């Protein structure tokens, strides 16, 4: 138990500090939970529900965009090291792009890219 005494001491001090900060926040709070009672949109009441603001046709377009966004996330580091790794990296990237192209073809077939 001796090797863990330092870790337990730091954990105890951290828990005490967190508890003290929570107690100070509770004692000095103006209202227990003012956020739900505050008006939205600079004092105006919302005219519609937050989940009904966007048409449902935007969600498949968003998912296709995220697929291409993740593609770029993987392509930037790949472009940095492709010269060092060689032809294997090029083959792996074309396999990755092929999988993404299959996803886009499936989304196109399902009508995710059709607007009306």
PDB file of N, CA and C in Angstrom:
ATOM      1  N   UNK A   1       0.825  -1.196   0.000  1.00  0.00           N
ATOM      2  CA  UNK A   1       0.000   0.000   0.000  1.00  0.00           C
ATOM      3  C   UNK A   1       0.866   1.254   0.000  1.00  0.00           C
ATOM      4  N   UNK A   2       2.106   1.125   0.411  1.00  0.00           N
ATOM      5  CA  UNK A   2       3.005   2.273   0.486  1.00  0.00           C
ATOM      6  C   UNK A   2       3.240   2.941  -0.871  1.00  0.00           C
ATOM      7  N   UNK A   3       3.423   2.196  -1.986  1.00  0.00           N
ATOM      8  CA  UNK A   3       3.662   2.885  -3.261  1.00  0.00           C
ATOM      9  C   UNK A   3       2.467   3.686  -3.746  1.00  0.00           C
ATOM     10  N   UNK A   4       1.273   3.350  -3.306  1.00  0.00           N
ATOM     11  CA  UNK A   4       0.066   4.034  -3.764  1.00  0.00           C
ATOM     12  C   UNK A   4      -0.373   5.166  -2.842  1.00  0.00           C
ATOM     13  N   UNK A   5       0.353   5.416  -1.768  1.00  0.00           N
ATOM     14  CA  UNK A   5      -0.079   6.453  -0.824  1.00  0.00           C
ATOM     15  C   UNK A   5      -0.049   7.841  -1.459  1.00  0.00           C
ATOM     16  N   UNK A   6       0.922   8.106  -2.320  1.00  0.00           N
ATOM     17  CA  UNK A   6       0.985   9.408  -2.998  1.00  0.00           C
ATOM     18  C   UNK A   6      -0.183   9.599  -3.953  1.00  0.00           C
ATOM     19  N   UNK A   7      -0.518   8.551  -4.673  1.00  0.00           N
ATOM     20  CA  UNK A   7      -1.641   8.621  -5.613  1.00  0.00           C
ATOM     21  C   UNK A   7      -2.948   8.814  -4.858  1.00  0.00           C
ATOM     22  N   UNK A   8      -3.109   8.093  -3.755  1.00  0.00           N
ATOM     23  CA  UNK A   8      -4.327   8.241  -2.953  1.00  0.00           C
ATOM     24  C   UNK A   8      -4.417   9.624  -2.323  1.00  0.00           C
ATOM     25  N   UNK A   9      -3.275  10.191  -1.903  1.00  0.00           N
ATOM     26  CA  UNK A   9      -3.282  11.539  -1.332  1.00  0.00           C
ATOM     27  C   UNK A   9      -3.705  12.573  -2.375  1.00  0.00           C
ATOM     28  N   UNK A  10      -3.173  12.465  -3.593  1.00  0.00           N
ATOM     29  CA  UNK A  10      -3.540  13.407  -4.657  1.00  0.00           C
ATOM     30  C   UNK A  10      -5.011  13.239  -5.016  1.00  0.00           C
ATOM     31  N   UNK A  11      -5.482  12.008  -5.088  1.00  0.00           N
ATOM     32  CA  UNK A  11      -6.892  11.760  -5.377  1.00  0.00           C
ATOM     33  C   UNK A  11      -7.789  12.340  -4.293  1.00  0.00           C
ATOM     34  N   UNK A  12      -7.392  12.184  -3.028  1.00  0.00           N
ATOM     35  CA  UNK A  12      -8.173  12.752  -1.924  1.00  0.00           C
ATOM     36  C   UNK A  12      -8.217  14.268  -1.966  1.00  0.00           C
ATOM     37  N   UNK A  13      -7.066  14.887  -2.230  1.00  0.00           N
ATOM     38  CA  UNK A  13      -7.036  16.355  -2.322  1.00  0.00           C
ATOM     39  C   UNK A  13      -7.891  16.829  -3.500  1.00  0.00           C
ATOM     40  N   UNK A  14      -7.822  16.139  -4.616  1.00  0.00           N
ATOM     41  CA  UNK A  14      -8.625  16.521  -5.786  1.00  0.00           C
ATOM     42  C   UNK A  14     -10.111  16.416  -5.475  1.00  0.00           C
ATOM     43  N   UNK A  15     -10.525  15.349  -4.807  1.00  0.00           N
ATOM     44  CA  UNK A  15     -11.932  15.202  -4.441  1.00  0.00           C
ATOM     45  C   UNK A  15     -12.374  16.279  -3.461  1.00  0.00           C
ATOM     46  N   UNK A  16     -11.502  16.643  -2.522  1.00  0.00           N
ATOM     47  CA  UNK A  16     -11.841  17.715  -1.582  1.00  0.00           C
ATOM     48  C   UNK A  16     -11.979  19.056  -2.291  1.00  0.00           C
ATOM     49  N   UNK A  17     -11.088  19.349  -3.219  1.00  0.00           N
ATOM     50  CA  UNK A  17     -11.162  20.616  -3.957  1.00  0.00           C
ATOM     51  C   UNK A  17     -12.428  20.654  -4.811  1.00  0.00           C
ATOM     52  N   UNK A  18     -12.745  19.549  -5.481  1.00  0.00           N
ATOM     53  CA  UNK A  18     -13.964  19.501  -6.297  1.00  0.00           C
ATOM     54  C   UNK A  18     -15.197  19.683  -5.427  1.00  0.00           C
ATOM     55  N   UNK A  19     -15.244  19.029  -4.294  1.00  0.00           N
ATOM     56  CA  UNK A  19     -16.372  19.180  -3.373  1.00  0.00           C
ATOM     57  C   UNK A  19     -16.494  20.605  -2.856  1.00  0.00           C
ATOM     58  N   UNK A  20     -15.350  21.225  -2.514  1.00  0.00           N
ATOM     59  CA  UNK A  20     -15.382  22.602  -2.024  1.00  0.00           C
ATOM     60  C   UNK A  20     -15.868  23.559  -3.109  1.00  0.00           C
ATOM     61  N   UNK A  21     -15.396  23.388  -4.323  1.00  0.00           N
ATOM     62  CA  UNK A  21     -15.850  24.251  -5.416  1.00  0.00           C
ATOM     63  C   UNK A  21     -17.338  24.066  -5.702  1.00  0.00           C
ATOM     64  N   UNK A  22     -17.810  22.842  -5.624  1.00  0.00           N
ATOM     65  CA  UNK A  22     -19.240  22.586  -5.821  1.00  0.00           C
ATOM     66  C   UNK A  22     -20.060  23.245  -4.705  1.00  0.00           C
ATOM     67  N   UNK A  23     -19.590  23.175  -3.468  1.00  0.00           N
ATOM     68  CA  UNK A  23     -20.303  23.797  -2.352  1.00  0.00           C
ATOM     69  C   UNK A  23     -20.323  25.318  -2.490  1.00  0.00           C
ATOM     70  N   UNK A  24     -19.202  25.914  -2.891  1.00  0.00           N
ATOM     71  CA  UNK A  24     -19.160  27.367  -3.087  1.00  0.00           C
ATOM     72  C   UNK A  24     -20.110  27.779  -4.206  1.00  0.00           C
ATOM     73  N   UNK A  25     -20.162  27.007  -5.275  1.00  0.00           N
ATOM     74  CA  UNK A  25     -21.072  27.324  -6.382  1.00  0.00           C
ATOM     75  C   UNK A  25     -22.522  27.226  -5.935  1.00  0.00           C
ATOM     76  N   UNK A  26     -22.846  26.241  -5.116  1.00  0.00           N
ATOM     77  CA  UNK A  26     -24.227  26.096  -4.626  1.00  0.00           C
ATOM     78  C   UNK A  26     -24.604  27.220  -3.680  1.00  0.00           C
ATOM     79  N   UNK A  27     -23.656  27.646  -2.845  1.00  0.00           N
ATOM     80  CA  UNK A  27     -23.952  28.697  -1.872  1.00  0.00           C
ATOM     81  C   UNK A  27     -24.073  30.071  -2.513  1.00  0.00           C
ATOM     82  N   UNK A  28     -23.337  30.317  -3.572  1.00  0.00           N
ATOM     83  CA  UNK A  28     -23.343  31.645  -4.189  1.00  0.00           C
ATOM     84  C   UNK A  28     -24.253  31.751  -5.407  1.00  0.00           C
ATOM     85  N   UNK A  29     -24.946  30.699  -5.750  1.00  0.00           N
ATOM     86  CA  UNK A  29     -25.816  30.724  -6.925  1.00  0.00           C
ATOM     87  C   UNK A  29     -27.024  31.619  -6.679  1.00  0.00           C
ATOM     88  N   UNK A  30     -27.406  32.384  -7.695  1.00  0.00           N
ATOM     89  CA  UNK A  30     -28.556  33.267  -7.589  1.00  0.00           C
ATOM     90  C   UNK A  30     -29.844  32.466  -7.641  1.00  0.00           C
ATOM     91  N   UNK A  31     -29.946  31.578  -8.602  1.00  0.00           N
ATOM     92  CA  UNK A  31     -31.113  30.711  -8.740  1.00  0.00           C
ATOM     93  C   UNK A  31     -30.601  29.278  -8.893  1.00  0.00           C
ATOM     94  N   UNK A  32     -31.342  28.291  -8.448  1.00  0.00           N
ATOM     95  CA  UNK A  32     -30.846  26.923  -8.550  1.00  0.00           C
ATOM     96  C   UNK A  32     -30.597  26.466  -9.982  1.00  0.00           C
ATOM     97  N   UNK A  33     -31.488  26.792 -10.902  1.00  0.00           N
ATOM     98  CA  UNK A  33     -31.304  26.426 -12.296  1.00  0.00           C
ATOM     99  C   UNK A  33     -32.011  27.453 -13.175  1.00  0.00           C
ATOM    100  N   UNK A  34     -31.372  28.595 -13.456  1.00  0.00           N
ATOM    101  CA  UNK A  34     -32.057  29.656 -14.200  1.00  0.00           C
ATOM    102  C   UNK A  34     -32.169  29.412 -15.695  1.00  0.00           C
ATOM    103  N   UNK A  35     -31.402  28.502 -16.260  1.00  0.00           N
ATOM    104  CA  UNK A  35     -31.366  28.353 -17.711  1.00  0.00           C
ATOM    105  C   UNK A  35     -32.715  27.946 -18.312  1.00  0.00           C
ATOM    106  N   UNK A  36     -33.450  26.973 -17.768  1.00  0.00           N
ATOM    107  CA  UNK A  36     -34.721  26.608 -18.405  1.00  0.00           C
ATOM    108  C   UNK A  36     -35.770  27.720 -18.362  1.00  0.00           C
ATOM    109  N   UNK A  37     -35.673  28.625 -17.411  1.00  0.00           N
ATOM    110  CA  UNK A  37     -36.679  29.671 -17.313  1.00  0.00           C
ATOM    111  C   UNK A  37     -36.333  30.906 -18.137  1.00  0.00           C
ATOM    112  N   UNK A  38     -35.145  30.961 -18.718  1.00  0.00           N
ATOM    113  CA  UNK A  38     -34.759  32.119 -19.519  1.00  0.00           C
ATOM    114  C   UNK A  38     -35.386  32.052 -20.902  1.00  0.00           C
ATOM    115  N   UNK A  39     -35.741  33.194 -21.487  1.00  0.00           N
ATOM    116  CA  UNK A  39     -36.283  33.190 -22.848  1.00  0.00           C
ATOM    117  C   UNK A  39     -35.182  32.903 -23.859  1.00  0.00           C
ATOM    118  N   UNK A  40     -35.607  32.481 -25.029  1.00  0.00           N
ATOM    119  CA  UNK A  40     -34.693  32.102 -26.102  1.00  0.00           C
ATOM    120  C   UNK A  40     -34.737  33.164 -27.189  1.00  0.00           C
ATOM    121  N   UNK A  41     -33.710  33.272 -27.991  1.00  0.00           N
ATOM    122  CA  UNK A  41     -33.651  34.193 -29.131  1.00  0.00           C
ATOM    123  C   UNK A  41     -33.806  35.651 -28.708  1.00  0.00           C
ATOM    124  N   UNK A  42     -32.944  36.098 -27.824  1.00  0.00           N
ATOM    125  CA  UNK A  42     -32.896  37.490 -27.366  1.00  0.00           C
ATOM    126  C   UNK A  42     -34.207  37.951 -26.751  1.00  0.00           C
ATOM    127  N   UNK A  43     -34.860  37.095 -26.020  1.00  0.00           N
ATOM    128  CA  UNK A  43     -36.076  37.459 -25.329  1.00  0.00           C
ATOM    129  C   UNK A  43     -37.350  37.056 -26.018  1.00  0.00           C
ATOM    130  N   UNK A  44     -37.275  36.662 -27.266  1.00  0.00           N
ATOM    131  CA  UNK A  44     -38.471  36.232 -27.994  1.00  0.00           C
ATOM    132  C   UNK A  44     -38.721  34.749 -27.749  1.00  0.00           C
ATOM    133  N   UNK A  45     -39.957  34.382 -27.654  1.00  0.00           N
ATOM    134  CA  UNK A  45     -40.307  32.981 -27.512  1.00  0.00           C
ATOM    135  C   UNK A  45     -40.172  32.284 -28.861  1.00  0.00           C
ATOM    136  N   UNK A  46     -39.677  31.056 -28.883  1.00  0.00           N
ATOM    137  CA  UNK A  46     -39.495  30.375 -30.175  1.00  0.00           C
ATOM    138  C   UNK A  46     -40.827  30.099 -30.852  1.00  0.00           C
ATOM    139  N   UNK A  47     -40.825  30.267 -32.169  1.00  0.00           N
ATOM    140  CA  UNK A  47     -42.048  30.050 -32.943  1.00  0.00           C
ATOM    141  C   UNK A  47     -42.218  28.588 -33.329  1.00  0.00           C
ATOM    142  N   UNK A  48     -41.136  27.812 -33.306  1.00  0.00           N
ATOM    143  CA  UNK A  48     -41.203  26.413 -33.692  1.00  0.00           C
ATOM    144  C   UNK A  48     -40.274  25.605 -32.805  1.00  0.00           C
ATOM    145  N   UNK A  49     -40.465  24.320 -32.805  1.00  0.00           N
ATOM    146  CA  UNK A  49     -39.646  23.429 -32.004  1.00  0.00           C
ATOM    147  C   UNK A  49     -38.248  23.339 -32.608  1.00  0.00           C
ATOM    148  N   UNK A  50     -37.250  23.168 -31.777  1.00  0.00           N
ATOM    149  CA  UNK A  50     -35.868  23.154 -32.257  1.00  0.00           C
ATOM    150  C   UNK A  50     -35.597  21.995 -33.204  1.00  0.00           C
ATOM    151  N   UNK A  51     -36.255  20.871 -33.034  1.00  0.00           N
ATOM    152  CA  UNK A  51     -36.008  19.726 -33.899  1.00  0.00           C
ATOM    153  C   UNK A  51     -36.750  19.817 -35.227  1.00  0.00           C
ATOM    154  N   UNK A  52     -37.693  20.723 -35.350  1.00  0.00           N
ATOM    155  CA  UNK A  52     -38.453  20.826 -36.598  1.00  0.00           C
ATOM    156  C   UNK A  52     -37.959  21.967 -37.472  1.00  0.00           C
ATOM    157  N   UNK A  53     -36.795  22.492 -37.211  1.00  0.00           N
ATOM    158  CA  UNK A  53     -36.307  23.627 -37.972  1.00  0.00           C
ATOM    159  C   UNK A  53     -35.816  23.233 -39.360  1.00  0.00           C
ATOM    160  N   UNK A  54     -35.225  22.081 -39.491  1.00  0.00           N
ATOM    161  CA  UNK A  54     -34.647  21.665 -40.755  1.00  0.00           C
ATOM    162  C   UNK A  54     -35.476  20.542 -41.355  1.00  0.00           C
ATOM    163  N   UNK A  55     -35.603  20.579 -42.657  1.00  0.00           N
ATOM    164  CA  UNK A  55     -36.356  19.539 -43.344  1.00  0.00           C
ATOM    165  C   UNK A  55     -35.568  18.236 -43.275  1.00  0.00           C
ATOM    166  N   UNK A  56     -36.281  17.141 -43.289  1.00  0.00           N
ATOM    167  CA  UNK A  56     -35.661  15.834 -43.131  1.00  0.00           C
ATOM    168  C   UNK A  56     -34.718  15.500 -44.282  1.00  0.00           C
ATOM    169  N   UNK A  57     -34.880  16.129 -45.429  1.00  0.00           N
ATOM    170  CA  UNK A  57     -34.013  15.815 -46.568  1.00  0.00           C
ATOM    171  C   UNK A  57     -32.582  16.297 -46.357  1.00  0.00           C
ATOM    172  N   UNK A  58     -32.350  17.160 -45.369  1.00  0.00           N
ATOM    173  CA  UNK A  58     -30.995  17.622 -45.097  1.00  0.00           C
ATOM    174  C   UNK A  58     -30.149  16.556 -44.420  1.00  0.00           C
ATOM    175  N   UNK A  59     -30.742  15.635 -43.690  1.00  0.00           N
ATOM    176  CA  UNK A  59     -29.976  14.676 -42.913  1.00  0.00           C
ATOM    177  C   UNK A  59     -29.173  13.699 -43.777  1.00  0.00           C
ATOM    178  N   UNK A  60     -29.719  13.112 -44.843  1.00  0.00           N
ATOM    179  CA  UNK A  60     -28.858  12.263 -45.694  1.00  0.00           C
ATOM    180  C   UNK A  60     -27.742  13.052 -46.364  1.00  0.00           C
ATOM    181  N   UNK A  61     -28.027  14.293 -46.764  1.00  0.00           N
ATOM    182  CA  UNK A  61     -26.988  15.122 -47.366  1.00  0.00           C
ATOM    183  C   UNK A  61     -25.883  15.384 -46.350  1.00  0.00           C
ATOM    184  N   UNK A  62     -26.267  15.605 -45.105  1.00  0.00           N
ATOM    185  CA  UNK A  62     -25.287  15.819 -44.044  1.00  0.00           C
ATOM    186  C   UNK A  62     -24.428  14.573 -43.836  1.00  0.00           C
ATOM    187  N   UNK A  63     -25.035  13.398 -43.868  1.00  0.00           N
ATOM    188  CA  UNK A  63     -24.264  12.172 -43.688  1.00  0.00           C
ATOM    189  C   UNK A  63     -23.282  11.948 -44.836  1.00  0.00           C
ATOM    190  N   UNK A  64     -23.690  12.253 -46.060  1.00  0.00           N
ATOM    191  CA  UNK A  64     -22.772  12.123 -47.194  1.00  0.00           C
ATOM    192  C   UNK A  64     -21.640  13.132 -47.052  1.00  0.00           C
ATOM    193  N   UNK A  65     -21.945  14.347 -46.611  1.00  0.00           N
ATOM    194  CA  UNK A  65     -20.903  15.344 -46.376  1.00  0.00           C
ATOM    195  C   UNK A  65     -19.922  14.865 -45.317  1.00  0.00           C
ATOM    196  N   UNK A  66     -20.431  14.276 -44.243  1.00  0.00           N
ATOM    197  CA  UNK A  66     -19.535  13.779 -43.201  1.00  0.00           C
ATOM    198  C   UNK A  66     -18.642  12.668 -43.712  1.00  0.00           C
ATOM    199  N   UNK A  67     -19.152  11.833 -44.604  1.00  0.00           N
ATOM    200  CA  UNK A  67     -18.312  10.787 -45.192  1.00  0.00           C
ATOM    201  C   UNK A  67     -17.147  11.408 -45.958  1.00  0.00           C
ATOM    202  N   UNK A  68     -17.415  12.452 -46.728  1.00  0.00           N
ATOM    203  CA  UNK A  68     -16.331  13.106 -47.455  1.00  0.00           C
ATOM    204  C   UNK A  68     -15.425  13.897 -46.521  1.00  0.00           C
ATOM    205  N   UNK A  69     -15.977  14.413 -45.442  1.00  0.00           N
ATOM    206  CA  UNK A  69     -15.169  15.126 -44.469  1.00  0.00           C
ATOM    207  C   UNK A  69     -14.195  14.176 -43.789  1.00  0.00           C
ATOM    208  N   UNK A  70     -14.653  12.995 -43.437  1.00  0.00           N
ATOM    209  CA  UNK A  70     -13.766  11.997 -42.839  1.00  0.00           C
ATOM    210  C   UNK A  70     -12.735  11.533 -43.858  1.00  0.00           C
ATOM    211  N   UNK A  71     -13.119  11.482 -45.112  1.00  0.00           N
ATOM    212  CA  UNK A  71     -12.157  11.142 -46.164  1.00  0.00           C
ATOM    213  C   UNK A  71     -11.012  12.146 -46.171  1.00  0.00           C
ATOM    214  N   UNK A  72     -11.323  13.421 -46.093  1.00  0.00           N
ATOM    215  CA  UNK A  72     -10.276  14.437 -46.061  1.00  0.00           C
ATOM    216  C   UNK A  72      -9.438  14.324 -44.789  1.00  0.00           C
ATOM    217  N   UNK A  73     -10.069  13.937 -43.704  1.00  0.00           N
ATOM    218  CA  UNK A  73      -9.353  13.761 -42.445  1.00  0.00           C
ATOM    219  C   UNK A  73      -8.273  12.694 -42.583  1.00  0.00           C
ATOM    220  N   UNK A  74      -8.535  11.662 -43.354  1.00  0.00           N
ATOM    221  CA  UNK A  74      -7.547  10.608 -43.566  1.00  0.00           C
ATOM    222  C   UNK A  74      -6.579  10.933 -44.696  1.00  0.00           C
ATOM    223  N   UNK A  75      -7.000  11.760 -45.646  1.00  0.00           N
ATOM    224  CA  UNK A  75      -6.131  12.017 -46.798  1.00  0.00           C
ATOM    225  C   UNK A  75      -5.012  13.009 -46.492  1.00  0.00           C
ATOM    226  N   UNK A  76      -5.209  13.942 -45.584  1.00  0.00           N
ATOM    227  CA  UNK A  76      -4.146  14.902 -45.276  1.00  0.00           C
ATOM    228  C   UNK A  76      -2.919  14.229 -44.660  1.00  0.00           C
ATOM    229  N   UNK A  77      -3.048  13.412 -43.622  1.00  0.00           N
ATOM    230  CA  UNK A  77      -1.838  12.738 -43.123  1.00  0.00           C
ATOM    231  C   UNK A  77      -1.259  11.757 -44.138  1.00  0.00           C
ATOM    232  N   UNK A  78      -2.120  11.145 -44.937  1.00  0.00           N
ATOM    233  CA  UNK A  78      -1.647  10.223 -45.964  1.00  0.00           C
ATOM    234  C   UNK A  78      -0.774  10.961 -46.970  1.00  0.00           C
ATOM    235  N   UNK A  79      -1.173  12.163 -47.363  1.00  0.00           N
ATOM    236  CA  UNK A  79      -0.413  12.931 -48.343  1.00  0.00           C
ATOM    237  C   UNK A  79       0.959  13.308 -47.812  1.00  0.00           C
ATOM    238  N   UNK A  80       1.094  13.428 -46.499  1.00  0.00           N
ATOM    239  CA  UNK A  80       2.385  13.786 -45.919  1.00  0.00           C
ATOM    240  C   UNK A  80       3.361  12.610 -45.985  1.00  0.00           C
ATOM    241  N   UNK A  81       2.879  11.397 -45.772  1.00  0.00           N
ATOM    242  CA  UNK A  81       3.779  10.240 -45.665  1.00  0.00           C
ATOM    243  C   UNK A  81       3.768   9.343 -46.896  1.00  0.00           C
ATOM    244  N   UNK A  82       3.026   9.664 -47.930  1.00  0.00           N
ATOM    245  CA  UNK A  82       2.916   8.763 -49.077  1.00  0.00           C
ATOM    246  C   UNK A  82       4.261   8.580 -49.775  1.00  0.00           C
ATOM    247  N   UNK A  83       5.092   9.596 -49.814  1.00  0.00           N
ATOM    248  CA  UNK A  83       6.394   9.471 -50.471  1.00  0.00           C
ATOM    249  C   UNK A  83       7.322   8.545 -49.687  1.00  0.00           C
ATOM    250  N   UNK A  84       7.200   8.543 -48.376  1.00  0.00           N
ATOM    251  CA  UNK A  84       8.053   7.684 -47.551  1.00  0.00           C
ATOM    252  C   UNK A  84       7.589   6.233 -47.578  1.00  0.00           C
ATOM    253  N   UNK A  85       6.285   6.016 -47.592  1.00  0.00           N
ATOM    254  CA  UNK A  85       5.752   4.658 -47.507  1.00  0.00           C
ATOM    255  C   UNK A  85       5.827   3.957 -48.857  1.00  0.00           C
ATOM    256  N   UNK A  86       5.485   4.664 -49.921  1.00  0.00           N
ATOM    257  CA  UNK A  86       5.613   4.079 -51.249  1.00  0.00           C
ATOM    258  C   UNK A  86       4.288   3.659 -51.866  1.00  0.00           C
ATOM    259  N   UNK A  87       4.366   2.685 -52.754  1.00  0.00           N
ATOM    260  CA  UNK A  87       3.204   2.275 -53.540  1.00  0.00           C
ATOM    261  C   UNK A  87       2.132   1.616 -52.689  1.00  0.00           C
ATOM    262  N   UNK A  88       2.512   1.005 -51.586  1.00  0.00           N
ATOM    263  CA  UNK A  88       1.514   0.380 -50.710  1.00  0.00           C
ATOM    264  C   UNK A  88       0.523   1.390 -50.164  1.00  0.00           C
ATOM    265  N   UNK A  89       1.005   2.593 -49.872  1.00  0.00           N
ATOM    266  CA  UNK A  89       0.110   3.636 -49.369  1.00  0.00           C
ATOM    267  C   UNK A  89      -0.864   4.089 -50.448  1.00  0.00           C
ATOM    268  N   UNK A  90      -0.408   4.116 -51.698  1.00  0.00           N
ATOM    269  CA  UNK A  90      -1.288   4.520 -52.799  1.00  0.00           C
ATOM    270  C   UNK A  90      -2.385   3.474 -52.995  1.00  0.00           C
ATOM    271  N   UNK A  91      -2.018   2.210 -52.925  1.00  0.00           N
ATOM    272  CA  UNK A  91      -3.009   1.143 -53.078  1.00  0.00           C
ATOM    273  C   UNK A  91      -4.025   1.197 -51.934  1.00  0.00           C
ATOM    274  N   UNK A  92      -3.531   1.397 -50.710  1.00  0.00           N
ATOM    275  CA  UNK A  92      -4.449   1.481 -49.568  1.00  0.00           C
ATOM    276  C   UNK A  92      -5.408   2.658 -49.699  1.00  0.00           C
ATOM    277  N   UNK A  93      -4.914   3.793 -50.203  1.00  0.00           N
ATOM    278  CA  UNK A  93      -5.791   4.950 -50.349  1.00  0.00           C
ATOM    279  C   UNK A  93      -6.838   4.703 -51.423  1.00  0.00           C
ATOM    280  N   UNK A  94      -6.476   4.026 -52.512  1.00  0.00           N
ATOM    281  CA  UNK A  94      -7.470   3.740 -53.542  1.00  0.00           C
ATOM    282  C   UNK A  94      -8.498   2.724 -53.053  1.00  0.00           C
ATOM    283  N   UNK A  95      -8.096   1.806 -52.197  1.00  0.00           N
ATOM    284  CA  UNK A  95      -9.071   0.892 -51.590  1.00  0.00           C
ATOM    285  C   UNK A  95     -10.027   1.675 -50.702  1.00  0.00           C
ATOM    286  N   UNK A  96      -9.478   2.592 -49.906  1.00  0.00           N
ATOM    287  CA  UNK A  96     -10.307   3.433 -49.046  1.00  0.00           C
ATOM    288  C   UNK A  96     -11.275   4.275 -49.878  1.00  0.00           C
ATOM    289  N   UNK A  97     -10.783   4.875 -50.943  1.00  0.00           N
ATOM    290  CA  UNK A  97     -11.650   5.676 -51.802  1.00  0.00           C
ATOM    291  C   UNK A  97     -12.697   4.816 -52.495  1.00  0.00           C
ATOM    292  N   UNK A  98     -12.342   3.574 -52.813  1.00  0.00           N
ATOM    293  CA  UNK A  98     -13.313   2.663 -53.403  1.00  0.00           C
ATOM    294  C   UNK A  98     -14.448   2.344 -52.443  1.00  0.00           C
ATOM    295  N   UNK A  99     -14.117   2.150 -51.168  1.00  0.00           N
ATOM    296  CA  UNK A  99     -15.158   1.903 -50.160  1.00  0.00           C
ATOM    297  C   UNK A  99     -16.065   3.128 -50.042  1.00  0.00           C
ATOM    298  N   UNK A 100     -15.468   4.318 -50.033  1.00  0.00           N
ATOM    299  CA  UNK A 100     -16.282   5.534 -49.974  1.00  0.00           C
ATOM    300  C   UNK A 100     -17.135   5.699 -51.227  1.00  0.00           C
ATOM    301  N   UNK A 101     -16.579   5.365 -52.372  1.00  0.00           N
ATOM    302  CA  UNK A 101     -17.349   5.464 -53.611  1.00  0.00           C
ATOM    303  C   UNK A 101     -18.513   4.484 -53.596  1.00  0.00           C
ATOM    304  N   UNK A 102     -18.315   3.318 -53.026  1.00  0.00           N
ATOM    305  CA  UNK A 102     -19.420   2.364 -52.895  1.00  0.00           C
ATOM    306  C   UNK A 102     -20.508   2.933 -51.989  1.00  0.00           C
ATOM    307  N   UNK A 103     -20.119   3.623 -50.925  1.00  0.00           N
ATOM    308  CA  UNK A 103     -21.104   4.265 -50.053  1.00  0.00           C
ATOM    309  C   UNK A 103     -21.866   5.365 -50.760  1.00  0.00           C
ATOM    310  N   UNK A 104     -21.170   6.157 -51.557  1.00  0.00           N
ATOM    311  CA  UNK A 104     -21.839   7.224 -52.304  1.00  0.00           C
ATOM    312  C   UNK A 104     -22.769   6.632 -53.359  1.00  0.00           C
ATOM    313  N   UNK A 105     -22.334   5.556 -54.010  1.00  0.00           N
ATOM    314  CA  UNK A 105     -23.203   4.912 -55.003  1.00  0.00           C
ATOM    315  C   UNK A 105     -24.455   4.361 -54.335  1.00  0.00           C
ATOM    316  N   UNK A 106     -24.306   3.797 -53.157  1.00  0.00           N
ATOM    317  CA  UNK A 106     -25.477   3.283 -52.434  1.00  0.00           C
ATOM    318  C   UNK A 106     -26.408   4.432 -52.049  1.00  0.00           C
ATOM    319  N   UNK A 107     -25.834   5.555 -51.554  1.00  0.00           N
ATOM    320  CA  UNK A 107     -26.660   6.711 -51.188  1.00  0.00           C
ATOM    321  C   UNK A 107     -27.373   7.275 -52.404  1.00  0.00           C
ATOM    322  N   UNK A 108     -26.695   7.299 -53.542  1.00  0.00           N
ATOM    323  CA  UNK A 108     -27.308   7.788 -54.769  1.00  0.00           C
ATOM    324  C   UNK A 108     -28.451   6.873 -55.184  1.00  0.00           C
ATOM    325  N   UNK A 109     -28.231   5.555 -55.093  1.00  0.00           N
ATOM    326  CA  UNK A 109     -29.271   4.591 -55.460  1.00  0.00           C
ATOM    327  C   UNK A 109     -30.480   4.708 -54.536  1.00  0.00           C
ATOM    328  N   UNK A 110     -30.233   4.979 -53.265  1.00  0.00           N
ATOM    329  CA  UNK A 110     -31.328   5.103 -52.305  1.00  0.00           C
ATOM    330  C   UNK A 110     -32.038   6.451 -52.389  1.00  0.00           C
ATOM    331  N   UNK A 111     -31.493   7.391 -53.152  1.00  0.00           N
ATOM    332  CA  UNK A 111     -32.130   8.686 -53.331  1.00  0.00           C
ATOM    333  C   UNK A 111     -31.708   9.739 -52.335  1.00  0.00           C
ATOM    334  N   UNK A 112     -30.590   9.533 -51.635  1.00  0.00           N
ATOM    335  CA  UNK A 112     -30.142  10.501 -50.644  1.00  0.00           C
ATOM    336  C   UNK A 112     -29.683  11.798 -51.284  1.00  0.00           C
ATOM    337  N   UNK A 113     -29.254  11.747 -52.542  1.00  0.00           N
ATOM    338  CA  UNK A 113     -28.777  12.941 -53.220  1.00  0.00           C
ATOM    339  C   UNK A 113     -29.848  13.602 -54.062  1.00  0.00           C
ATOM    340  N   UNK A 114     -31.023  13.021 -54.110  1.00  0.00           N
ATOM    341  CA  UNK A 114     -32.145  13.591 -54.868  1.00  0.00           C
ATOM    342  C   UNK A 114     -32.850  14.610 -53.973  1.00  0.00           C
ATOM    343  N   UNK A 115     -33.005  15.816 -54.445  1.00  0.00           N
ATOM    344  CA  UNK A 115     -33.535  16.878 -53.604  1.00  0.00           C
ATOM    345  C   UNK A 115     -35.055  16.820 -53.471  1.00  0.00           C
ATOM    346  N   UNK A 116     -35.751  16.566 -54.553  1.00  0.00           N
ATOM    347  CA  UNK A 116     -37.218  16.514 -54.468  1.00  0.00           C
ATOM    348  C   UNK A 116     -37.732  15.161 -54.883  1.00  0.00           C
TER     349      UNK A 116
END
